[in-house]
Amino acid sequence: MNTCDKGAKHELLAAAWLLEQGYQVFRNVSPAGPVDLVAFDTETGEIVLIDVKTGTNMYDTNKLKPEQEDMGVRRLVYNPHKKTFVLEVFRKSAL
């Protein structure tokens, strides 16, 4: 499986995981956009902008681009070996 297909597969797995966590999930139709998924928590009203990454941990994946950081995008890292997900805790610095 090529890299693009693996990325698409991992995004779908991430969307399914977020659904299991109670979020409503929306996928980006543009492969070049700054956000892969938008997750909405119907109980709290929280909206999470997500970039799905594949790796063993947060330090094993690419960092977000400055544009993504400015938007408040968070990484959701999928570990294909353990089949686990970790959602990055995002704290935007004060201006």
Protein backbone atom coordinates (compact mmCIF):
# COMPACT_ATOMS: atom_id res chain seq x y z
CA MET A 1 0.00 0.00 0.00
CA ASN A 2 1.42 3.40 -0.94
CA THR A 3 1.86 6.27 1.51
CA CYS A 4 -1.24 8.20 0.36
CA ASP A 5 -3.44 5.12 0.74
CA LYS A 6 -2.02 4.42 4.20
CA GLY A 7 -2.72 8.02 5.21
CA ALA A 8 -6.31 7.79 3.98
CA LYS A 9 -6.78 4.49 5.84
CA HIS A 10 -5.39 5.94 9.07
CA GLU A 11 -7.66 9.00 8.76
CA LEU A 12 -10.68 6.69 8.50
CA LEU A 13 -9.50 4.69 11.52
CA ALA A 14 -9.01 7.97 13.42
CA ALA A 15 -12.52 9.11 12.48
CA ALA A 16 -13.94 5.80 13.75
CA TRP A 17 -11.98 6.14 17.01
CA LEU A 18 -13.27 9.69 17.53
CA LEU A 19 -16.83 8.47 16.95
CA GLU A 20 -16.26 5.87 19.68
CA GLN A 21 -15.12 8.71 21.97
CA GLY A 22 -18.46 10.47 21.48
CA TYR A 23 -17.51 13.04 18.85
CA GLN A 24 -19.32 13.77 15.61
CA VAL A 25 -16.66 13.71 12.90
CA PHE A 26 -16.33 15.52 9.60
CA ARG A 27 -13.65 14.79 7.00
CA ASN A 28 -11.92 17.35 4.81
CA VAL A 29 -12.60 16.75 1.10
CA SER A 30 -9.36 18.49 0.11
CA PRO A 31 -6.19 16.39 0.46
CA ALA A 32 -4.12 19.60 0.70
CA GLY A 33 -6.03 21.30 3.50
CA PRO A 34 -4.50 22.18 6.90
CA VAL A 35 -7.03 19.99 8.74
CA ASP A 36 -7.80 16.28 8.19
CA LEU A 37 -10.79 16.00 10.52
CA VAL A 38 -13.13 18.25 12.47
CA ALA A 39 -14.50 16.65 15.63
CA PHE A 40 -17.50 18.09 17.46
CA ASP A 41 -18.45 17.13 21.02
CA THR A 42 -22.23 17.49 21.20
CA GLU A 43 -22.21 17.50 25.02
CA THR A 44 -19.63 20.24 25.56
CA GLY A 45 -19.80 22.07 22.22
CA GLU A 46 -16.02 21.67 21.84
CA ILE A 47 -14.75 21.74 18.26
CA VAL A 48 -11.39 20.07 17.64
CA LEU A 49 -9.41 20.60 14.44
CA ILE A 50 -7.26 17.52 13.84
CA ASP A 51 -4.26 16.56 11.73
CA VAL A 52 -3.84 12.77 11.73
CA LYS A 53 -0.26 11.52 11.99
CA THR A 54 1.18 8.02 11.99
CA GLY A 55 4.00 7.09 14.35
CA THR A 56 4.81 5.52 17.69
CA ASN A 57 4.35 8.73 19.72
CA MET A 58 4.09 12.53 19.50
CA TYR A 59 7.86 12.88 19.17
CA ASP A 60 7.98 10.39 16.29
CA THR A 61 5.72 12.46 14.01
CA ASN A 62 6.04 15.66 12.04
CA LYS A 63 5.23 18.81 13.91
CA LEU A 64 2.41 21.05 12.82
CA LYS A 65 3.03 23.88 10.38
CA PRO A 66 2.88 27.43 11.79
CA GLU A 67 -0.45 27.97 9.96
CA GLN A 68 -1.90 24.92 11.71
CA GLU A 69 -0.61 26.03 15.10
CA ASP A 70 -2.21 29.45 14.60
CA MET A 71 -5.52 27.72 13.81
CA GLY A 72 -5.32 25.58 16.97
CA VAL A 73 -5.00 22.28 15.09
CA ARG A 74 -4.13 19.28 17.26
CA ARG A 75 -2.30 16.12 16.20
CA LEU A 76 -4.01 12.76 16.56
CA VAL A 77 -1.27 10.15 16.40
CA TYR A 78 -2.07 6.62 15.29
CA ASN A 79 0.39 3.88 16.26
CA PRO A 80 -0.13 1.10 13.68
CA HIS A 81 1.89 -1.40 15.72
CA LYS A 82 -0.20 -1.07 18.87
CA LYS A 83 -3.35 0.14 17.03
CA THR A 84 -3.73 2.99 19.51
CA PHE A 85 -4.51 6.70 19.24
CA VAL A 86 -3.24 9.67 21.24
CA LEU A 87 -4.82 13.10 20.87
CA GLU A 88 -2.39 15.93 21.50
CA VAL A 89 -3.24 18.30 24.31
CA PHE A 90 -3.08 21.75 22.77
CA ARG A 91 -2.41 24.90 24.71
CA LYS A 92 -2.14 27.97 22.54
CA SER A 93 0.28 30.47 23.99
CA ALA A 94 -1.09 33.81 25.11
CA LEU A 95 -0.57 36.71 22.75
